[in-house]
C-alpha atoms as a PDB file:
ATOM      1  CA  MET A   1     -29.469 -44.716 -22.089  1.00  0.00           C
ATOM      2  CA  THR A   2     -26.582 -46.553 -20.752  1.00  0.00           C
ATOM      3  CA  LYS A   3     -24.707 -45.377 -17.510  1.00  0.00           C
ATOM      4  CA  VAL A   4     -21.932 -44.138 -19.705  1.00  0.00           C
ATOM      5  CA  ASP A   5     -24.317 -41.863 -21.599  1.00  0.00           C
ATOM      6  CA  VAL A   6     -25.838 -40.598 -18.421  1.00  0.00           C
ATOM      7  CA  ALA A   7     -22.390 -39.768 -17.171  1.00  0.00           C
ATOM      8  CA  ALA A   8     -21.406 -38.048 -20.510  1.00  0.00           C
ATOM      9  CA  VAL A   9     -24.509 -35.959 -20.466  1.00  0.00           C
ATOM     10  CA  ALA A  10     -24.151 -34.916 -16.670  1.00  0.00           C
ATOM     11  CA  ALA A  11     -20.591 -33.801 -17.650  1.00  0.00           C
ATOM     12  CA  ASP A  12     -21.712 -31.744 -20.598  1.00  0.00           C
ATOM     13  CA  ASP A  13     -24.271 -30.211 -18.489  1.00  0.00           C
ATOM     14  CA  GLN A  14     -21.773 -29.156 -15.779  1.00  0.00           C
ATOM     15  CA  ALA A  15     -19.508 -27.797 -18.524  1.00  0.00           C
ATOM     16  CA  SER A  16     -22.160 -25.672 -19.813  1.00  0.00           C
ATOM     17  CA  VAL A  17     -22.976 -24.406 -16.605  1.00  0.00           C
ATOM     18  CA  LEU A  18     -19.294 -23.482 -15.742  1.00  0.00           C
ATOM     19  CA  ILE A  19     -18.854 -21.713 -19.180  1.00  0.00           C
ATOM     20  CA  GLN A  20     -21.952 -19.764 -18.526  1.00  0.00           C
ATOM     21  CA  ARG A  21     -20.956 -18.854 -14.983  1.00  0.00           C
ATOM     22  CA  LEU A  22     -17.641 -17.518 -16.554  1.00  0.00           C
ATOM     23  CA  LYS A  23     -19.183 -15.670 -19.199  1.00  0.00           C
ATOM     24  CA  ALA A  24     -21.276 -13.799 -16.847  1.00  0.00           C
ATOM     25  CA  GLN A  25     -18.189 -12.997 -14.393  1.00  0.00           C
ATOM     26  CA  LEU A  26     -15.883 -12.256 -17.159  1.00  0.00           C
ATOM     27  CA  PRO A  27     -16.982  -8.648 -17.702  1.00  0.00           C
ATOM     28  CA  ALA A  28     -16.817  -7.915 -13.814  1.00  0.00           C
ATOM     29  CA  GLN A  29     -13.196  -9.395 -13.598  1.00  0.00           C
ATOM     30  CA  LEU A  30     -12.001  -8.034 -16.787  1.00  0.00           C
ATOM     31  CA  PRO A  31     -10.785  -4.526 -15.542  1.00  0.00           C
ATOM     32  CA  ALA A  32      -8.739  -6.373 -12.421  1.00  0.00           C
ATOM     33  CA  CYS A  33      -7.314  -8.788 -15.139  1.00  0.00           C
ATOM     34  CA  LEU A  34      -6.474  -5.788 -17.563  1.00  0.00           C
ATOM     35  CA  LEU A  35      -4.831  -4.040 -14.616  1.00  0.00           C
ATOM     36  CA  ALA A  36      -2.736  -7.123 -13.498  1.00  0.00           C
ATOM     37  CA  SER A  37      -1.376  -7.494 -17.268  1.00  0.00           C
ATOM     38  CA  ILE A  38      -0.439  -3.648 -17.172  1.00  0.00           C
ATOM     39  CA  ALA A  39       1.370  -4.033 -14.010  1.00  0.00           C
ATOM     40  CA  ILE A  40       3.222  -6.992 -15.061  1.00  0.00           C
ATOM     41  CA  VAL A  41       4.115  -5.331 -18.499  1.00  0.00           C
ATOM     42  CA  THR A  42       5.313  -2.358 -16.415  1.00  0.00           C
ATOM     43  CA  ALA A  43       7.374  -4.332 -13.658  1.00  0.00           C
ATOM     44  CA  LEU A  44       9.134  -6.131 -16.312  1.00  0.00           C
ATOM     45  CA  THR A  45       9.932  -2.825 -18.447  1.00  0.00           C
ATOM     46  CA  LEU A  46      10.994  -0.901 -15.373  1.00  0.00           C
ATOM     47  CA  ARG A  47      12.971  -3.477 -13.240  1.00  0.00           C
ATOM     48  CA  GLY A  48      16.382  -2.607 -14.599  1.00  0.00           C
ATOM     49  CA  MET A  49      15.713   1.347 -13.895  1.00  0.00           C
ATOM     50  CA  PRO A  50      18.155   3.304 -12.072  1.00  0.00           C
ATOM     51  CA  LEU A  51      17.204   4.528  -8.564  1.00  0.00           C
ATOM     52  CA  SER A  52      18.057   7.435  -6.744  1.00  0.00           C
ATOM     53  CA  HIS A  53      20.965   7.676  -4.282  1.00  0.00           C
ATOM     54  CA  ASP A  54      18.632   7.722  -1.383  1.00  0.00           C
ATOM     55  CA  VAL A  55      17.163   4.166  -2.254  1.00  0.00           C
ATOM     56  CA  VAL A  56      20.772   2.827  -2.784  1.00  0.00           C
ATOM     57  CA  TRP A  57      21.423   4.177   0.621  1.00  0.00           C
ATOM     58  CA  GLN A  58      18.457   2.490   2.147  1.00  0.00           C
ATOM     59  CA  PHE A  59      19.712  -0.784   0.801  1.00  0.00           C
ATOM     60  CA  TRP A  60      23.260  -0.353   1.779  1.00  0.00           C
ATOM     61  CA  ILE A  61      21.937   0.436   5.461  1.00  0.00           C
ATOM     62  CA  ALA A  62      19.746  -2.693   5.201  1.00  0.00           C
ATOM     63  CA  ARG A  63      22.984  -4.836   4.313  1.00  0.00           C
ATOM     64  CA  GLN A  64      24.983  -3.385   7.266  1.00  0.00           C
ATOM     65  CA  LEU A  65      21.816  -3.939   9.491  1.00  0.00           C
ATOM     66  CA  LEU A  66      21.856  -7.591   8.422  1.00  0.00           C
ATOM     67  CA  GLY A  67      25.574  -7.829   8.993  1.00  0.00           C
ATOM     68  CA  GLY A  68      24.998  -6.877  12.698  1.00  0.00           C
ATOM     69  CA  SER A  69      25.646  -3.083  12.578  1.00  0.00           C
ATOM     70  CA  GLN A  70      23.380  -1.021  14.578  1.00  0.00           C
ATOM     71  CA  LEU A  71      21.598   2.119  13.007  1.00  0.00           C
ATOM     72  CA  TYR A  72      22.073   5.547  14.848  1.00  0.00           C
ATOM     73  CA  LEU A  73      25.121   4.177  16.593  1.00  0.00           C
ATOM     74  CA  ASP A  74      27.644   2.596  14.003  1.00  0.00           C
ATOM     75  CA  ILE A  75      25.502   4.188  11.141  1.00  0.00           C
ATOM     76  CA  TRP A  76      24.605   8.113  11.460  1.00  0.00           C
ATOM     77  CA  GLU A  77      21.025   8.636  10.209  1.00  0.00           C
ATOM     78  CA  VAL A  78      18.327  11.204  11.425  1.00  0.00           C
ATOM     79  CA  ASN A  79      15.257   9.453   9.563  1.00  0.00           C
ATOM     80  CA  PRO A  80      12.847   7.028  11.130  1.00  0.00           C
ATOM     81  CA  PRO A  81      13.782   3.483  11.006  1.00  0.00           C
ATOM     82  CA  LEU A  82      10.892   1.929   9.238  1.00  0.00           C
ATOM     83  CA  TRP A  83      12.099   2.656   5.712  1.00  0.00           C
ATOM     84  CA  PHE A  84      15.401   0.879   6.586  1.00  0.00           C
ATOM     85  CA  TRP A  85      13.637  -2.257   8.193  1.00  0.00           C
ATOM     86  CA  THR A  86      11.372  -2.615   5.371  1.00  0.00           C
ATOM     87  CA  ALA A  87      14.431  -3.001   3.129  1.00  0.00           C
ATOM     88  CA  MET A  88      15.846  -5.821   5.131  1.00  0.00           C
ATOM     89  CA  PRO A  89      13.417  -8.532   4.185  1.00  0.00           C
ATOM     90  CA  ILE A  90      13.510  -7.445   0.560  1.00  0.00           C
ATOM     91  CA  ARG A  91      17.309  -7.962   0.588  1.00  0.00           C
ATOM     92  CA  LEU A  92      16.870 -11.396   2.213  1.00  0.00           C
ATOM     93  CA  LEU A  93      14.350 -12.388  -0.346  1.00  0.00           C
ATOM     94  CA  ALA A  94      16.475 -11.255  -3.240  1.00  0.00           C
ATOM     95  CA  GLN A  95      19.537 -13.004  -1.930  1.00  0.00           C
ATOM     96  CA  ALA A  96      17.427 -16.241  -1.670  1.00  0.00           C
ATOM     97  CA  LEU A  97      16.041 -15.843  -5.275  1.00  0.00           C
ATOM     98  CA  HIS A  98      19.554 -14.712  -6.605  1.00  0.00           C
ATOM     99  CA  VAL A  99      18.070 -11.515  -8.059  1.00  0.00           C
ATOM    100  CA  PRO A 100      19.347  -7.982  -7.605  1.00  0.00           C
ATOM    101  CA  PRO A 101      17.450  -6.519  -4.394  1.00  0.00           C
ATOM    102  CA  LEU A 102      16.788  -3.037  -6.415  1.00  0.00           C
ATOM    103  CA  GLN A 103      15.179  -5.023  -9.056  1.00  0.00           C
ATOM    104  CA  LEU A 104      12.982  -6.898  -6.602  1.00  0.00           C
ATOM    105  CA  LEU A 105      12.204  -3.419  -5.101  1.00  0.00           C
ATOM    106  CA  VAL A 106      10.924  -1.935  -8.243  1.00  0.00           C
ATOM    107  CA  MET A 107       8.570  -5.115  -9.075  1.00  0.00           C
ATOM    108  CA  GLY A 108       7.269  -4.910  -5.408  1.00  0.00           C
ATOM    109  CA  VAL A 109       6.642  -1.139  -5.786  1.00  0.00           C
ATOM    110  CA  VAL A 110       4.809  -1.728  -9.196  1.00  0.00           C
ATOM    111  CA  ALA A 111       2.696  -4.572  -7.374  1.00  0.00           C
ATOM    112  CA  LEU A 112       2.021  -1.994  -4.651  1.00  0.00           C
ATOM    113  CA  GLY A 113       0.693   0.534  -7.190  1.00  0.00           C
ATOM    114  CA  ALA A 114      -1.422  -1.966  -8.765  1.00  0.00           C
ATOM    115  CA  LEU A 115      -3.009  -2.944  -5.421  1.00  0.00           C
ATOM    116  CA  SER A 116      -3.435   0.849  -4.569  1.00  0.00           C
ATOM    117  CA  ALA A 117      -5.104   1.157  -8.101  1.00  0.00           C
ATOM    118  CA  TRP A 118      -7.456  -1.850  -7.638  1.00  0.00           C
ATOM    119  CA  LEU A 119      -8.509  -0.514  -3.974  1.00  0.00           C
ATOM    120  CA  VAL A 120      -9.276   2.945  -5.404  1.00  0.00           C
ATOM    121  CA  GLY A 121     -11.440   1.130  -8.459  1.00  0.00           C
ATOM    122  CA  HIS A 122     -13.209  -1.112  -5.648  1.00  0.00           C
ATOM    123  CA  LEU A 123     -14.057   1.834  -3.538  1.00  0.00           C
ATOM    124  CA  ALA A 124     -15.505   4.003  -6.376  1.00  0.00           C
ATOM    125  CA  GLY A 125     -18.052   1.738  -6.996  1.00  0.00           C
ATOM    126  CA  TYR A 126     -18.610   2.080 -10.539  1.00  0.00           C
ATOM    127  CA  ALA A 127     -21.370   0.146 -12.315  1.00  0.00           C
ATOM    128  CA  THR A 128     -19.751  -0.516 -15.766  1.00  0.00           C
ATOM    129  CA  PRO A 129     -16.381  -2.429 -16.247  1.00  0.00           C
ATOM    130  CA  SER A 130     -15.274   0.418 -18.687  1.00  0.00           C
ATOM    131  CA  ARG A 131     -15.563   3.212 -16.054  1.00  0.00           C
ATOM    132  CA  LEU A 132     -14.061   0.830 -13.460  1.00  0.00           C
ATOM    133  CA  PHE A 133     -11.125   0.121 -15.706  1.00  0.00           C
ATOM    134  CA  VAL A 134     -10.427   3.904 -16.474  1.00  0.00           C
ATOM    135  CA  ALA A 135     -10.466   4.527 -12.878  1.00  0.00           C
ATOM    136  CA  MET A 136      -7.804   1.770 -12.056  1.00  0.00           C
ATOM    137  CA  LEU A 137      -5.778   2.691 -15.095  1.00  0.00           C
ATOM    138  CA  MET A 138      -5.819   6.657 -14.124  1.00  0.00           C
ATOM    139  CA  THR A 139      -4.637   5.674 -10.588  1.00  0.00           C
ATOM    140  CA  PHE A 140      -2.041   3.306 -11.562  1.00  0.00           C
ATOM    141  CA  TRP A 141      -0.682   5.990 -13.901  1.00  0.00           C
ATOM    142  CA  LEU A 142      -0.800   8.654 -10.936  1.00  0.00           C
ATOM    143  CA  VAL A 143       0.951   6.284  -8.256  1.00  0.00           C
ATOM    144  CA  VAL A 144       3.440   4.377 -10.426  1.00  0.00           C
ATOM    145  CA  ILE A 145       4.149   6.048 -13.723  1.00  0.00           C
ATOM    146  CA  GLY A 146       3.952   9.766 -12.893  1.00  0.00           C
ATOM    147  CA  PRO A 147       6.557   9.814 -10.109  1.00  0.00           C
ATOM    148  CA  LEU A 148       9.204   7.915 -12.064  1.00  0.00           C
ATOM    149  CA  SER A 149      11.770  10.493 -11.068  1.00  0.00           C
ATOM    150  CA  ASP A 150      11.245   9.832  -7.483  1.00  0.00           C
ATOM    151  CA  PHE A 151      10.660   6.077  -7.817  1.00  0.00           C
ATOM    152  CA  ALA A 152      10.637   4.102  -4.545  1.00  0.00           C
ATOM    153  CA  GLN A 153      11.290   7.013  -2.187  1.00  0.00           C
ATOM    154  CA  ARG A 154       9.328   7.634   0.788  1.00  0.00           C
ATOM    155  CA  GLU A 155       7.293  10.497  -0.882  1.00  0.00           C
ATOM    156  CA  HIS A 156       6.361   7.944  -3.644  1.00  0.00           C
ATOM    157  CA  LEU A 157       5.480   5.084  -1.300  1.00  0.00           C
ATOM    158  CA  ALA A 158       3.268   7.421   0.668  1.00  0.00           C
ATOM    159  CA  LEU A 159       1.496   8.513  -2.367  1.00  0.00           C
ATOM    160  CA  ILE A 160       0.727   4.897  -3.115  1.00  0.00           C
ATOM    161  CA  CYS A 161      -0.530   4.196   0.239  1.00  0.00           C
ATOM    162  CA  ALA A 162      -2.391   7.494   0.668  1.00  0.00           C
ATOM    163  CA  VAL A 163      -4.568   7.414  -2.396  1.00  0.00           C
ATOM    164  CA  PRO A 164      -6.503   4.537  -1.398  1.00  0.00           C
ATOM    165  CA  TYR A 165      -7.088   5.826   2.149  1.00  0.00           C
ATOM    166  CA  ALA A 166      -8.535   9.137   0.758  1.00  0.00           C
ATOM    167  CA  ALA A 167     -10.701   7.161  -1.636  1.00  0.00           C
ATOM    168  CA  LEU A 168     -12.059   5.043   1.354  1.00  0.00           C
ATOM    169  CA  LEU A 169     -12.867   8.647   3.152  1.00  0.00           C
ATOM    170  CA  ALA A 170     -14.520   9.778   0.175  1.00  0.00           C
ATOM    171  CA  ARG A 171     -16.303   6.603  -0.194  1.00  0.00           C
ATOM    172  CA  ARG A 172     -17.866   7.292   3.322  1.00  0.00           C
ATOM    173  CA  THR A 173     -19.418  10.589   2.300  1.00  0.00           C
ATOM    174  CA  TRP A 174     -21.354   8.913  -0.529  1.00  0.00           C
ATOM    175  CA  ALA A 175     -24.612   7.902   1.337  1.00  0.00           C
ATOM    176  CA  SER A 176     -25.958   5.932  -1.778  1.00  0.00           C
ATOM    177  CA  ALA A 177     -22.786   3.837  -1.867  1.00  0.00           C
ATOM    178  CA  GLY A 178     -23.175   2.091   1.104  1.00  0.00           C
ATOM    179  CA  GLU A 179     -20.564   1.282   3.888  1.00  0.00           C
ATOM    180  CA  PRO A 180     -17.385  -0.257   2.805  1.00  0.00           C
ATOM    181  CA  SER A 181     -16.505  -3.756   4.024  1.00  0.00           C
ATOM    182  CA  LYS A 182     -14.457  -3.923   7.099  1.00  0.00           C
ATOM    183  CA  GLY A 183     -12.002  -5.923   5.565  1.00  0.00           C
ATOM    184  CA  CYS A 184     -11.352  -3.558   2.910  1.00  0.00           C
ATOM    185  CA  ALA A 185     -11.216  -0.764   5.417  1.00  0.00           C
ATOM    186  CA  VAL A 186      -8.748  -2.475   7.549  1.00  0.00           C
ATOM    187  CA  LEU A 187      -6.414  -3.480   4.255  1.00  0.00           C
ATOM    188  CA  VAL A 188      -6.585   0.281   3.315  1.00  0.00           C
ATOM    189  CA  ALA A 189      -5.604   1.301   6.714  1.00  0.00           C
ATOM    190  CA  LEU A 190      -2.551  -1.129   6.965  1.00  0.00           C
ATOM    191  CA  MET A 191      -1.149   0.369   3.715  1.00  0.00           C
ATOM    192  CA  ALA A 192      -1.708   3.966   4.875  1.00  0.00           C
ATOM    193  CA  ALA A 193      -0.206   3.213   8.096  1.00  0.00           C
ATOM    194  CA  TYR A 194       2.964   2.299   6.467  1.00  0.00           C
ATOM    195  CA  GLY A 195       2.984   5.226   4.151  1.00  0.00           C
ATOM    196  CA  PHE A 196       2.262   7.607   6.994  1.00  0.00           C
ATOM    197  CA  ALA A 197       5.026   6.230   9.336  1.00  0.00           C
ATOM    198  CA  LEU A 198       7.946   6.769   6.887  1.00  0.00           C
ATOM    199  CA  LYS A 199       8.380  10.540   7.677  1.00  0.00           C
ATOM    200  CA  HIS A 200       7.434  12.497  10.757  1.00  0.00           C
ATOM    201  CA  TYR A 201       5.477  15.226   8.902  1.00  0.00           C
ATOM    202  CA  PHE A 202       3.435  12.559   6.942  1.00  0.00           C
ATOM    203  CA  VAL A 203       1.175  12.583   9.952  1.00  0.00           C
ATOM    204  CA  ALA A 204      -0.376  15.630   8.507  1.00  0.00           C
ATOM    205  CA  ILE A 205      -1.843  13.566   5.671  1.00  0.00           C
ATOM    206  CA  PRO A 206      -4.540  11.649   7.903  1.00  0.00           C
ATOM    207  CA  VAL A 207      -5.021  14.547  10.190  1.00  0.00           C
ATOM    208  CA  LEU A 208      -5.863  16.790   7.204  1.00  0.00           C
ATOM    209  CA  LEU A 209      -8.179  14.209   5.447  1.00  0.00           C
ATOM    210  CA  GLU A 210      -9.924  13.403   8.831  1.00  0.00           C
ATOM    211  CA  LEU A 211     -10.758  17.244   9.115  1.00  0.00           C
ATOM    212  CA  TRP A 212     -12.041  17.386   5.575  1.00  0.00           C
ATOM    213  CA  LEU A 213     -14.244  14.033   6.532  1.00  0.00           C
ATOM    214  CA  ILE A 214     -15.649  16.002   9.484  1.00  0.00           C
ATOM    215  CA  VAL A 215     -16.495  19.112   7.262  1.00  0.00           C
ATOM    216  CA  ARG A 216     -18.243  16.888   4.966  1.00  0.00           C
ATOM    217  CA  MET A 217     -20.197  14.567   7.252  1.00  0.00           C
ATOM    218  CA  ARG A 218     -20.940  16.856  10.347  1.00  0.00           C
ATOM    219  CA  ARG A 219     -23.143  15.108  12.767  1.00  0.00           C
ATOM    220  CA  GLU A 220     -22.708  11.693  11.045  1.00  0.00           C
ATOM    221  CA  TRP A 221     -19.140  11.850  11.542  1.00  0.00           C
ATOM    222  CA  ARG A 222     -17.828   9.057  13.864  1.00  0.00           C
ATOM    223  CA  LEU A 223     -14.201   8.612  15.114  1.00  0.00           C
ATOM    224  CA  LEU A 224     -14.148   4.928  15.838  1.00  0.00           C
ATOM    225  CA  ARG A 225     -14.083   3.270  12.676  1.00  0.00           C
ATOM    226  CA  PRO A 226     -12.044   0.262  11.221  1.00  0.00           C
ATOM    227  CA  GLU A 227      -9.355   2.414   9.514  1.00  0.00           C
ATOM    228  CA  THR A 228      -8.800   4.637  12.416  1.00  0.00           C
ATOM    229  CA  THR A 229      -8.717   1.723  15.007  1.00  0.00           C
ATOM    230  CA  THR A 230      -6.049   0.042  12.556  1.00  0.00           C
ATOM    231  CA  LEU A 231      -3.796   3.271  12.067  1.00  0.00           C
ATOM    232  CA  THR A 232      -4.001   3.735  15.874  1.00  0.00           C
ATOM    233  CA  LEU A 233      -2.837  -0.001  16.731  1.00  0.00           C
ATOM    234  CA  VAL A 234      -0.219   0.079  13.921  1.00  0.00           C
ATOM    235  CA  ALA A 235       1.104   3.575  15.102  1.00  0.00           C
ATOM    236  CA  LEU A 236       1.299   2.381  18.581  1.00  0.00           C
ATOM    237  CA  VAL A 237       3.119  -0.875  17.829  1.00  0.00           C
ATOM    238  CA  TYR A 238       5.695   1.006  15.597  1.00  0.00           C
ATOM    239  CA  ALA A 239       6.231   3.544  18.110  1.00  0.00           C
ATOM    240  CA  ILE A 240       6.954   0.893  21.053  1.00  0.00           C
ATOM    241  CA  GLY A 241       9.076  -0.979  18.611  1.00  0.00           C
ATOM    242  CA  ALA A 242      11.082   2.137  17.601  1.00  0.00           C
ATOM    243  CA  VAL A 243      11.500   3.016  21.418  1.00  0.00           C
ATOM    244  CA  MET A 244      12.769  -0.639  22.092  1.00  0.00           C
ATOM    245  CA  VAL A 245      14.941  -1.196  18.940  1.00  0.00           C
ATOM    246  CA  THR A 246      16.309   1.853  18.010  1.00  0.00           C
ATOM    247  CA  PRO A 247      16.547   4.136  21.382  1.00  0.00           C
ATOM    248  CA  ALA A 248      19.463   5.894  20.162  1.00  0.00           C
ATOM    249  CA  PHE A 249      17.170   7.548  17.360  1.00  0.00           C
ATOM    250  CA  PHE A 250      15.515   9.736  20.055  1.00  0.00           C
ATOM    251  CA  GLN A 251      18.801  10.044  22.211  1.00  0.00           C
ATOM    252  CA  GLN A 252      20.229  11.970  19.148  1.00  0.00           C
ATOM    253  CA  TYR A 253      17.496  14.835  19.632  1.00  0.00           C
ATOM    254  CA  SER A 254      17.554  17.421  22.241  1.00  0.00           C
ATOM    255  CA  THR A 255      14.201  18.226  23.871  1.00  0.00           C
ATOM    256  CA  ASP A 256      14.398  21.755  21.997  1.00  0.00           C
ATOM    257  CA  ASP A 257      14.432  19.755  18.581  1.00  0.00           C
ATOM    258  CA  PRO A 258      11.038  20.585  16.858  1.00  0.00           C
ATOM    259  CA  ARG A 259      11.056  16.961  15.604  1.00  0.00           C
ATOM    260  CA  TRP A 260      10.316  15.873  19.107  1.00  0.00           C
ATOM    261  CA  LEU A 261       6.975  17.786  18.789  1.00  0.00           C
ATOM    262  CA  LEU A 262       6.351  15.807  15.472  1.00  0.00           C
ATOM    263  CA  TRP A 263       6.969  12.683  17.105  1.00  0.00           C
ATOM    264  CA  LEU A 264       4.596  13.489  20.041  1.00  0.00           C
ATOM    265  CA  CYS A 265       1.807  14.627  17.593  1.00  0.00           C
ATOM    266  CA  SER A 266       2.150  11.360  15.654  1.00  0.00           C
ATOM    267  CA  LEU A 267       1.769   9.174  18.782  1.00  0.00           C
ATOM    268  CA  ALA A 268      -1.294  11.507  19.873  1.00  0.00           C
END
């Protein structure tokens, strides 16, 4: 055989090995690929949907903040600043891409919902691709399609971010499932931290979930875990940032206002 023939045979062998690997990995990757396809179709379908006046108000405030206005001083508002802060980069990106900011928001929320569904499927640990896809699809329907009337509002975002966190804690109660990876736990906690910080009383969600975990695990329960550490660090950073950037938010309440107690509980 000539060198050309040898090279051709080697190339054919490498191609055959690559095809075999793809065939072996395809069933495992198929649910995620189908979920991504459904998310893309959903985003394109919903991109022009009308959103509530709360979301419009959120993006109006973001425009004013980018123009130099000060929240709680020039703009009267009683809600925490995080929701308005997160609208600012979306508005800037929409301006750079020359697309309406609310359309970009819709596509971002759908993508976040798809990530939430993928994380739930990953944490569920189903052995068969069909069950995994059903779990992902049901979660996607729950967090994206179900709440269309409240789309992109704080309750909707909190739902998207809280479901994977609940799945993570449920995973910890399954002795046969094994420990979730630290990277997955940190990613889930980062999402959850955003959702839980959108309103004062959303802090009840991780507290109640932790109480449930204590009841289920009893002596095996431990406080220091990747997700609890991440939640604590993000909460501290957000609290310090809110005090430094928007002190007027705290000054608008008297010490008799019950929301002070809620903020103190959130920090605790």
